[in-house]
Amino acid sequence: MIDFYRREGFREEVLVRAQSNPVVLKQTYLDLGRHFPQETLTILSAELEDALRHSSTRKHYKELAEILSNMKKIAGGEAVVQQLLSKW
């Protein structure tokens, strides 16, 4: 269904679904970041903070590092990443 929304340009619907579904967020955050940078960064920040509380494997930390790296590609992402890193 998400692919349909993306293909048809219903980005607001994708954003709504990404807010409540981490799988959708992981699949769409780079695209959403181009259209809704602040909203996407806010959602990602909350998800990352929660994920770090429950993370325990090297693989999981590597995935989180990749997301942080990609967040820098979103407008305003560099500052958000620096803020997150200073907390941790």
PDB file of N, CA and C in Angstrom:
ATOM      1  N   MET A   1       0.809  -1.179   0.000  1.00  0.00           N
ATOM      2  CA  MET A   1       0.000   0.000   0.000  1.00  0.00           C
ATOM      3  C   MET A   1       0.864   1.259   0.000  1.00  0.00           C
ATOM      4  N   ILE A   2       1.967   1.225   0.749  1.00  0.00           N
ATOM      5  CA  ILE A   2       2.862   2.379   0.818  1.00  0.00           C
ATOM      6  C   ILE A   2       3.424   2.694  -0.561  1.00  0.00           C
ATOM      7  N   ASP A   3       3.780   1.666  -1.317  1.00  0.00           N
ATOM      8  CA  ASP A   3       4.292   1.899  -2.670  1.00  0.00           C
ATOM      9  C   ASP A   3       3.258   2.611  -3.533  1.00  0.00           C
ATOM     10  N   PHE A   4       2.005   2.249  -3.379  1.00  0.00           N
ATOM     11  CA  PHE A   4       0.934   2.912  -4.119  1.00  0.00           C
ATOM     12  C   PHE A   4       0.876   4.395  -3.750  1.00  0.00           C
ATOM     13  N   TYR A   5       0.880   4.685  -2.438  1.00  0.00           N
ATOM     14  CA  TYR A   5       0.821   6.070  -1.990  1.00  0.00           C
ATOM     15  C   TYR A   5       2.009   6.871  -2.530  1.00  0.00           C
ATOM     16  N   ARG A   6       3.189   6.272  -2.472  1.00  0.00           N
ATOM     17  CA  ARG A   6       4.386   6.955  -2.973  1.00  0.00           C
ATOM     18  C   ARG A   6       4.283   7.200  -4.467  1.00  0.00           C
ATOM     19  N   ARG A   7       3.881   6.183  -5.191  1.00  0.00           N
ATOM     20  CA  ARG A   7       3.781   6.278  -6.652  1.00  0.00           C
ATOM     21  C   ARG A   7       2.762   7.326  -7.076  1.00  0.00           C
ATOM     22  N   GLU A   8       1.673   7.413  -6.341  1.00  0.00           N
ATOM     23  CA  GLU A   8       0.601   8.340  -6.686  1.00  0.00           C
ATOM     24  C   GLU A   8       0.820   9.743  -6.100  1.00  0.00           C
ATOM     25  N   GLY A   9       1.892   9.912  -5.339  1.00  0.00           N
ATOM     26  CA  GLY A   9       2.211  11.231  -4.801  1.00  0.00           C
ATOM     27  C   GLY A   9       1.483  11.606  -3.526  1.00  0.00           C
ATOM     28  N   PHE A  10       0.927  10.628  -2.825  1.00  0.00           N
ATOM     29  CA  PHE A  10       0.232  10.891  -1.561  1.00  0.00           C
ATOM     30  C   PHE A  10       1.236  10.887  -0.412  1.00  0.00           C
ATOM     31  N   ARG A  11       2.139  11.834  -0.447  1.00  0.00           N
ATOM     32  CA  ARG A  11       3.226  11.873   0.528  1.00  0.00           C
ATOM     33  C   ARG A  11       2.730  12.136   1.946  1.00  0.00           C
ATOM     34  N   GLU A  12       1.684  12.931   2.081  1.00  0.00           N
ATOM     35  CA  GLU A  12       1.150  13.192   3.427  1.00  0.00           C
ATOM     36  C   GLU A  12       0.661  11.898   4.072  1.00  0.00           C
ATOM     37  N   GLU A  13       0.048  11.038   3.281  1.00  0.00           N
ATOM     38  CA  GLU A  13      -0.428   9.754   3.805  1.00  0.00           C
ATOM     39  C   GLU A  13       0.751   8.865   4.211  1.00  0.00           C
ATOM     40  N   VAL A  14       1.804   8.887   3.422  1.00  0.00           N
ATOM     41  CA  VAL A  14       3.001   8.118   3.765  1.00  0.00           C
ATOM     42  C   VAL A  14       3.581   8.641   5.077  1.00  0.00           C
ATOM     43  N   LEU A  15       3.630   9.961   5.234  1.00  0.00           N
ATOM     44  CA  LEU A  15       4.144  10.557   6.463  1.00  0.00           C
ATOM     45  C   LEU A  15       3.318  10.119   7.671  1.00  0.00           C
ATOM     46  N   VAL A  16       2.015  10.146   7.548  1.00  0.00           N
ATOM     47  CA  VAL A  16       1.137   9.724   8.646  1.00  0.00           C
ATOM     48  C   VAL A  16       1.414   8.273   9.012  1.00  0.00           C
ATOM     49  N   ARG A  17       1.550   7.436   8.021  1.00  0.00           N
ATOM     50  CA  ARG A  17       1.800   6.009   8.299  1.00  0.00           C
ATOM     51  C   ARG A  17       3.193   5.787   8.877  1.00  0.00           C
ATOM     52  N   ALA A  18       4.170   6.575   8.437  1.00  0.00           N
ATOM     53  CA  ALA A  18       5.536   6.447   8.949  1.00  0.00           C
ATOM     54  C   ALA A  18       5.615   6.845  10.423  1.00  0.00           C
ATOM     55  N   GLN A  19       4.755   7.762  10.843  1.00  0.00           N
ATOM     56  CA  GLN A  19       4.757   8.199  12.233  1.00  0.00           C
ATOM     57  C   GLN A  19       4.387   7.078  13.186  1.00  0.00           C
ATOM     58  N   SER A  20       3.574   6.157  12.721  1.00  0.00           N
ATOM     59  CA  SER A  20       3.107   5.098  13.617  1.00  0.00           C
ATOM     60  C   SER A  20       3.658   3.714  13.267  1.00  0.00           C
ATOM     61  N   ASN A  21       4.495   3.648  12.238  1.00  0.00           N
ATOM     62  CA  ASN A  21       4.997   2.348  11.809  1.00  0.00           C
ATOM     63  C   ASN A  21       6.484   2.442  11.484  1.00  0.00           C
ATOM     64  N   PRO A  22       7.348   1.931  12.368  1.00  0.00           N
ATOM     65  CA  PRO A  22       8.789   2.014  12.154  1.00  0.00           C
ATOM     66  C   PRO A  22       9.265   1.361  10.845  1.00  0.00           C
ATOM     67  N   VAL A  23       8.586   0.333  10.394  1.00  0.00           N
ATOM     68  CA  VAL A  23       8.974  -0.326   9.140  1.00  0.00           C
ATOM     69  C   VAL A  23       8.754   0.631   7.967  1.00  0.00           C
ATOM     70  N   VAL A  24       7.617   1.295   7.956  1.00  0.00           N
ATOM     71  CA  VAL A  24       7.331   2.271   6.903  1.00  0.00           C
ATOM     72  C   VAL A  24       8.329   3.416   6.986  1.00  0.00           C
ATOM     73  N   LEU A  25       8.624   3.869   8.193  1.00  0.00           N
ATOM     74  CA  LEU A  25       9.587   4.946   8.372  1.00  0.00           C
ATOM     75  C   LEU A  25      10.945   4.562   7.786  1.00  0.00           C
ATOM     76  N   LYS A  26      11.401   3.371   8.091  1.00  0.00           N
ATOM     77  CA  LYS A  26      12.706   2.924   7.600  1.00  0.00           C
ATOM     78  C   LYS A  26      12.731   2.856   6.074  1.00  0.00           C
ATOM     79  N   GLN A  27      11.627   2.486   5.462  1.00  0.00           N
ATOM     80  CA  GLN A  27      11.550   2.365   4.009  1.00  0.00           C
ATOM     81  C   GLN A  27      11.450   3.716   3.306  1.00  0.00           C
ATOM     82  N   THR A  28      10.957   4.736   3.992  1.00  0.00           N
ATOM     83  CA  THR A  28      10.579   5.969   3.301  1.00  0.00           C
ATOM     84  C   THR A  28      11.249   7.239   3.810  1.00  0.00           C
ATOM     85  N   TYR A  29      12.092   7.157   4.853  1.00  0.00           N
ATOM     86  CA  TYR A  29      12.544   8.398   5.479  1.00  0.00           C
ATOM     87  C   TYR A  29      13.367   9.300   4.568  1.00  0.00           C
ATOM     88  N   LEU A  30      14.133   8.739   3.656  1.00  0.00           N
ATOM     89  CA  LEU A  30      14.904   9.612   2.758  1.00  0.00           C
ATOM     90  C   LEU A  30      13.983  10.371   1.813  1.00  0.00           C
ATOM     91  N   ASP A  31      12.991   9.703   1.282  1.00  0.00           N
ATOM     92  CA  ASP A  31      12.027  10.367   0.405  1.00  0.00           C
ATOM     93  C   ASP A  31      11.207  11.390   1.185  1.00  0.00           C
ATOM     94  N   LEU A  32      10.734  10.997   2.347  1.00  0.00           N
ATOM     95  CA  LEU A  32       9.953  11.927   3.171  1.00  0.00           C
ATOM     96  C   LEU A  32      10.788  13.135   3.574  1.00  0.00           C
ATOM     97  N   GLY A  33      12.072  12.912   3.824  1.00  0.00           N
ATOM     98  CA  GLY A  33      12.961  13.996   4.222  1.00  0.00           C
ATOM     99  C   GLY A  33      13.094  15.075   3.166  1.00  0.00           C
ATOM    100  N   ARG A  34      12.938  14.727   1.913  1.00  0.00           N
ATOM    101  CA  ARG A  34      12.998  15.720   0.840  1.00  0.00           C
ATOM    102  C   ARG A  34      11.754  16.606   0.835  1.00  0.00           C
ATOM    103  N   HIS A  35      10.642  16.062   1.260  1.00  0.00           N
ATOM    104  CA  HIS A  35       9.378  16.792   1.199  1.00  0.00           C
ATOM    105  C   HIS A  35       8.932  17.347   2.551  1.00  0.00           C
ATOM    106  N   PHE A  36       9.286  16.663   3.621  1.00  0.00           N
ATOM    107  CA  PHE A  36       8.899  17.063   4.979  1.00  0.00           C
ATOM    108  C   PHE A  36      10.119  16.946   5.901  1.00  0.00           C
ATOM    109  N   PRO A  37      11.132  17.774   5.696  1.00  0.00           N
ATOM    110  CA  PRO A  37      12.377  17.575   6.454  1.00  0.00           C
ATOM    111  C   PRO A  37      12.208  17.657   7.970  1.00  0.00           C
ATOM    112  N   GLN A  38      11.544  18.687   8.476  1.00  0.00           N
ATOM    113  CA  GLN A  38      11.418  18.832   9.925  1.00  0.00           C
ATOM    114  C   GLN A  38      10.615  17.708  10.547  1.00  0.00           C
ATOM    115  N   GLU A  39       9.507  17.371   9.927  1.00  0.00           N
ATOM    116  CA  GLU A  39       8.662  16.303  10.459  1.00  0.00           C
ATOM    117  C   GLU A  39       9.416  14.968  10.465  1.00  0.00           C
ATOM    118  N   THR A  40      10.132  14.711   9.379  1.00  0.00           N
ATOM    119  CA  THR A  40      10.885  13.460   9.258  1.00  0.00           C
ATOM    120  C   THR A  40      11.981  13.390  10.304  1.00  0.00           C
ATOM    121  N   LEU A  41      12.712  14.473  10.481  1.00  0.00           N
ATOM    122  CA  LEU A  41      13.784  14.491  11.481  1.00  0.00           C
ATOM    123  C   LEU A  41      13.236  14.313  12.893  1.00  0.00           C
ATOM    124  N   THR A  42      12.096  14.891  13.163  1.00  0.00           N
ATOM    125  CA  THR A  42      11.476  14.740  14.484  1.00  0.00           C
ATOM    126  C   THR A  42      11.097  13.285  14.742  1.00  0.00           C
ATOM    127  N   ILE A  43      10.481  12.663  13.752  1.00  0.00           N
ATOM    128  CA  ILE A  43      10.082  11.254  13.893  1.00  0.00           C
ATOM    129  C   ILE A  43      11.313  10.369  14.058  1.00  0.00           C
ATOM    130  N   LEU A  44      12.325  10.590  13.209  1.00  0.00           N
ATOM    131  CA  LEU A  44      13.545   9.783  13.278  1.00  0.00           C
ATOM    132  C   LEU A  44      14.244   9.951  14.618  1.00  0.00           C
ATOM    133  N   SER A  45      14.315  11.164  15.120  1.00  0.00           N
ATOM    134  CA  SER A  45      14.976  11.407  16.408  1.00  0.00           C
ATOM    135  C   SER A  45      14.310  10.608  17.520  1.00  0.00           C
ATOM    136  N   ALA A  46      12.998  10.656  17.553  1.00  0.00           N
ATOM    137  CA  ALA A  46      12.270   9.910  18.582  1.00  0.00           C
ATOM    138  C   ALA A  46      12.498   8.412  18.436  1.00  0.00           C
ATOM    139  N   GLU A  47      12.459   7.916  17.203  1.00  0.00           N
ATOM    140  CA  GLU A  47      12.675   6.487  16.974  1.00  0.00           C
ATOM    141  C   GLU A  47      14.088   6.066  17.365  1.00  0.00           C
ATOM    142  N   LEU A  48      15.080   6.886  17.024  1.00  0.00           N
ATOM    143  CA  LEU A  48      16.461   6.553  17.348  1.00  0.00           C
ATOM    144  C   LEU A  48      16.697   6.549  18.857  1.00  0.00           C
ATOM    145  N   GLU A  49      16.148   7.524  19.550  1.00  0.00           N
ATOM    146  CA  GLU A  49      16.314   7.548  21.006  1.00  0.00           C
ATOM    147  C   GLU A  49      15.709   6.306  21.638  1.00  0.00           C
ATOM    148  N   ASP A  50      14.549   5.910  21.168  1.00  0.00           N
ATOM    149  CA  ASP A  50      13.913   4.698  21.685  1.00  0.00           C
ATOM    150  C   ASP A  50      14.728   3.460  21.321  1.00  0.00           C
ATOM    151  N   ALA A  51      15.218   3.410  20.094  1.00  0.00           N
ATOM    152  CA  ALA A  51      15.990   2.253  19.634  1.00  0.00           C
ATOM    153  C   ALA A  51      17.284   2.094  20.433  1.00  0.00           C
ATOM    154  N   LEU A  52      17.912   3.185  20.779  1.00  0.00           N
ATOM    155  CA  LEU A  52      19.151   3.091  21.546  1.00  0.00           C
ATOM    156  C   LEU A  52      18.922   2.542  22.944  1.00  0.00           C
ATOM    157  N   ARG A  53      17.768   2.812  23.492  1.00  0.00           N
ATOM    158  CA  ARG A  53      17.455   2.266  24.823  1.00  0.00           C
ATOM    159  C   ARG A  53      17.330   0.740  24.790  1.00  0.00           C
ATOM    160  N   HIS A  54      16.953   0.206  23.634  1.00  0.00           N
ATOM    161  CA  HIS A  54      16.705  -1.229  23.518  1.00  0.00           C
ATOM    162  C   HIS A  54      17.730  -1.945  22.654  1.00  0.00           C
ATOM    163  N   SER A  55      18.732  -1.248  22.225  1.00  0.00           N
ATOM    164  CA  SER A  55      19.715  -1.833  21.318  1.00  0.00           C
ATOM    165  C   SER A  55      20.764  -2.616  22.095  1.00  0.00           C
ATOM    166  N   SER A  56      21.180  -3.742  21.512  1.00  0.00           N
ATOM    167  CA  SER A  56      22.187  -4.526  22.206  1.00  0.00           C
ATOM    168  C   SER A  56      23.163  -5.233  21.266  1.00  0.00           C
ATOM    169  N   THR A  57      22.886  -5.232  19.988  1.00  0.00           N
ATOM    170  CA  THR A  57      23.759  -5.959  19.078  1.00  0.00           C
ATOM    171  C   THR A  57      24.546  -5.007  18.194  1.00  0.00           C
ATOM    172  N   ARG A  58      25.670  -5.457  17.761  1.00  0.00           N
ATOM    173  CA  ARG A  58      26.519  -4.665  16.874  1.00  0.00           C
ATOM    174  C   ARG A  58      25.786  -4.345  15.570  1.00  0.00           C
ATOM    175  N   LYS A  59      25.044  -5.316  15.058  1.00  0.00           N
ATOM    176  CA  LYS A  59      24.293  -5.110  13.820  1.00  0.00           C
ATOM    177  C   LYS A  59      23.286  -3.969  13.979  1.00  0.00           C
ATOM    178  N   HIS A  60      22.609  -3.945  15.101  1.00  0.00           N
ATOM    179  CA  HIS A  60      21.613  -2.905  15.344  1.00  0.00           C
ATOM    180  C   HIS A  60      22.276  -1.534  15.449  1.00  0.00           C
ATOM    181  N   TYR A  61      23.411  -1.456  16.156  1.00  0.00           N
ATOM    182  CA  TYR A  61      24.125  -0.185  16.259  1.00  0.00           C
ATOM    183  C   TYR A  61      24.595   0.282  14.876  1.00  0.00           C
ATOM    184  N   LYS A  62      25.000  -0.653  14.040  1.00  0.00           N
ATOM    185  CA  LYS A  62      25.432  -0.310  12.686  1.00  0.00           C
ATOM    186  C   LYS A  62      24.266   0.280  11.885  1.00  0.00           C
ATOM    187  N   GLU A  63      23.080  -0.303  12.018  1.00  0.00           N
ATOM    188  CA  GLU A  63      21.888   0.223  11.336  1.00  0.00           C
ATOM    189  C   GLU A  63      21.571   1.635  11.821  1.00  0.00           C
ATOM    190  N   LEU A  64      21.682   1.862  13.125  1.00  0.00           N
ATOM    191  CA  LEU A  64      21.415   3.188  13.673  1.00  0.00           C
ATOM    192  C   LEU A  64      22.434   4.203  13.159  1.00  0.00           C
ATOM    193  N   ALA A  65      23.683   3.792  13.063  1.00  0.00           N
ATOM    194  CA  ALA A  65      24.723   4.685  12.538  1.00  0.00           C
ATOM    195  C   ALA A  65      24.441   5.051  11.080  1.00  0.00           C
ATOM    196  N   GLU A  66      23.938   4.093  10.324  1.00  0.00           N
ATOM    197  CA  GLU A  66      23.595   4.362   8.928  1.00  0.00           C
ATOM    198  C   GLU A  66      22.449   5.367   8.835  1.00  0.00           C
ATOM    199  N   ILE A  67      21.468   5.224   9.699  1.00  0.00           N
ATOM    200  CA  ILE A  67      20.346   6.173   9.712  1.00  0.00           C
ATOM    201  C   ILE A  67      20.849   7.567  10.084  1.00  0.00           C
ATOM    202  N   LEU A  68      21.706   7.653  11.083  1.00  0.00           N
ATOM    203  CA  LEU A  68      22.268   8.955  11.466  1.00  0.00           C
ATOM    204  C   LEU A  68      23.014   9.588  10.291  1.00  0.00           C
ATOM    205  N   SER A  69      23.780   8.792   9.604  1.00  0.00           N
ATOM    206  CA  SER A  69      24.516   9.287   8.441  1.00  0.00           C
ATOM    207  C   SER A  69      23.564   9.810   7.373  1.00  0.00           C
ATOM    208  N   ASN A  70      22.502   9.070   7.123  1.00  0.00           N
ATOM    209  CA  ASN A  70      21.518   9.495   6.124  1.00  0.00           C
ATOM    210  C   ASN A  70      20.723  10.713   6.584  1.00  0.00           C
ATOM    211  N   MET A  71      20.528  10.856   7.884  1.00  0.00           N
ATOM    212  CA  MET A  71      19.807  12.022   8.394  1.00  0.00           C
ATOM    213  C   MET A  71      20.527  13.310   8.021  1.00  0.00           C
ATOM    214  N   LYS A  72      21.849  13.248   7.928  1.00  0.00           N
ATOM    215  CA  LYS A  72      22.622  14.435   7.570  1.00  0.00           C
ATOM    216  C   LYS A  72      22.299  14.915   6.160  1.00  0.00           C
ATOM    217  N   LYS A  73      21.738  14.047   5.341  1.00  0.00           N
ATOM    218  CA  LYS A  73      21.382  14.399   3.962  1.00  0.00           C
ATOM    219  C   LYS A  73      20.060  15.170   3.885  1.00  0.00           C
ATOM    220  N   ILE A  74      19.319  15.171   4.974  1.00  0.00           N
ATOM    221  CA  ILE A  74      18.037  15.868   5.036  1.00  0.00           C
ATOM    222  C   ILE A  74      18.299  17.301   5.491  1.00  0.00           C
ATOM    223  N   ALA A  75      17.596  18.251   4.913  1.00  0.00           N
ATOM    224  CA  ALA A  75      17.772  19.655   5.285  1.00  0.00           C
ATOM    225  C   ALA A  75      17.603  19.832   6.793  1.00  0.00           C
ATOM    226  N   GLY A  76      18.615  20.390   7.434  1.00  0.00           N
ATOM    227  CA  GLY A  76      18.589  20.580   8.884  1.00  0.00           C
ATOM    228  C   GLY A  76      19.062  19.366   9.658  1.00  0.00           C
ATOM    229  N   GLY A  77      19.379  18.301   8.967  1.00  0.00           N
ATOM    230  CA  GLY A  77      19.742  17.047   9.612  1.00  0.00           C
ATOM    231  C   GLY A  77      21.059  17.076  10.349  1.00  0.00           C
ATOM    232  N   GLU A  78      22.014  17.825   9.838  1.00  0.00           N
ATOM    233  CA  GLU A  78      23.329  17.897  10.488  1.00  0.00           C
ATOM    234  C   GLU A  78      23.193  18.371  11.934  1.00  0.00           C
ATOM    235  N   ALA A  79      22.421  19.415  12.152  1.00  0.00           N
ATOM    236  CA  ALA A  79      22.234  19.952  13.507  1.00  0.00           C
ATOM    237  C   ALA A  79      21.502  18.958  14.404  1.00  0.00           C
ATOM    238  N   VAL A  80      20.515  18.279  13.854  1.00  0.00           N
ATOM    239  CA  VAL A  80      19.756  17.299  14.642  1.00  0.00           C
ATOM    240  C   VAL A  80      20.660  16.138  15.047  1.00  0.00           C
ATOM    241  N   VAL A  81      21.476  15.669  14.121  1.00  0.00           N
ATOM    242  CA  VAL A  81      22.401  14.567  14.418  1.00  0.00           C
ATOM    243  C   VAL A  81      23.383  14.992  15.504  1.00  0.00           C
ATOM    244  N   GLN A  82      23.934  16.193  15.399  1.00  0.00           N
ATOM    245  CA  GLN A  82      24.869  16.671  16.419  1.00  0.00           C
ATOM    246  C   GLN A  82      24.196  16.756  17.785  1.00  0.00           C
ATOM    247  N   GLN A  83      22.964  17.193  17.796  1.00  0.00           N
ATOM    248  CA  GLN A  83      22.221  17.277  19.050  1.00  0.00           C
ATOM    249  C   GLN A  83      22.006  15.885  19.648  1.00  0.00           C
ATOM    250  N   LEU A  84      21.632  14.925  18.802  1.00  0.00           N
ATOM    251  CA  LEU A  84      21.434  13.558  19.284  1.00  0.00           C
ATOM    252  C   LEU A  84      22.742  12.977  19.827  1.00  0.00           C
ATOM    253  N   LEU A  85      23.824  13.177  19.086  1.00  0.00           N
ATOM    254  CA  LEU A  85      25.107  12.628  19.519  1.00  0.00           C
ATOM    255  C   LEU A  85      25.579  13.241  20.825  1.00  0.00           C
ATOM    256  N   SER A  86      25.279  14.514  21.042  1.00  0.00           N
ATOM    257  CA  SER A  86      25.693  15.136  22.292  1.00  0.00           C
ATOM    258  C   SER A  86      24.915  14.576  23.483  1.00  0.00           C
ATOM    259  N   LYS A  87      23.686  14.121  23.253  1.00  0.00           N
ATOM    260  CA  LYS A  87      22.892  13.493  24.315  1.00  0.00           C
ATOM    261  C   LYS A  87      23.457  12.125  24.700  1.00  0.00           C
ATOM    262  N   TRP A  88      23.945  11.407  23.695  1.00  0.00           N
ATOM    263  CA  TRP A  88      24.384  10.034  23.920  1.00  0.00           C
ATOM    264  C   TRP A  88      25.804  10.026  24.415  1.00  0.00           C
TER     265      TRP A  88
END
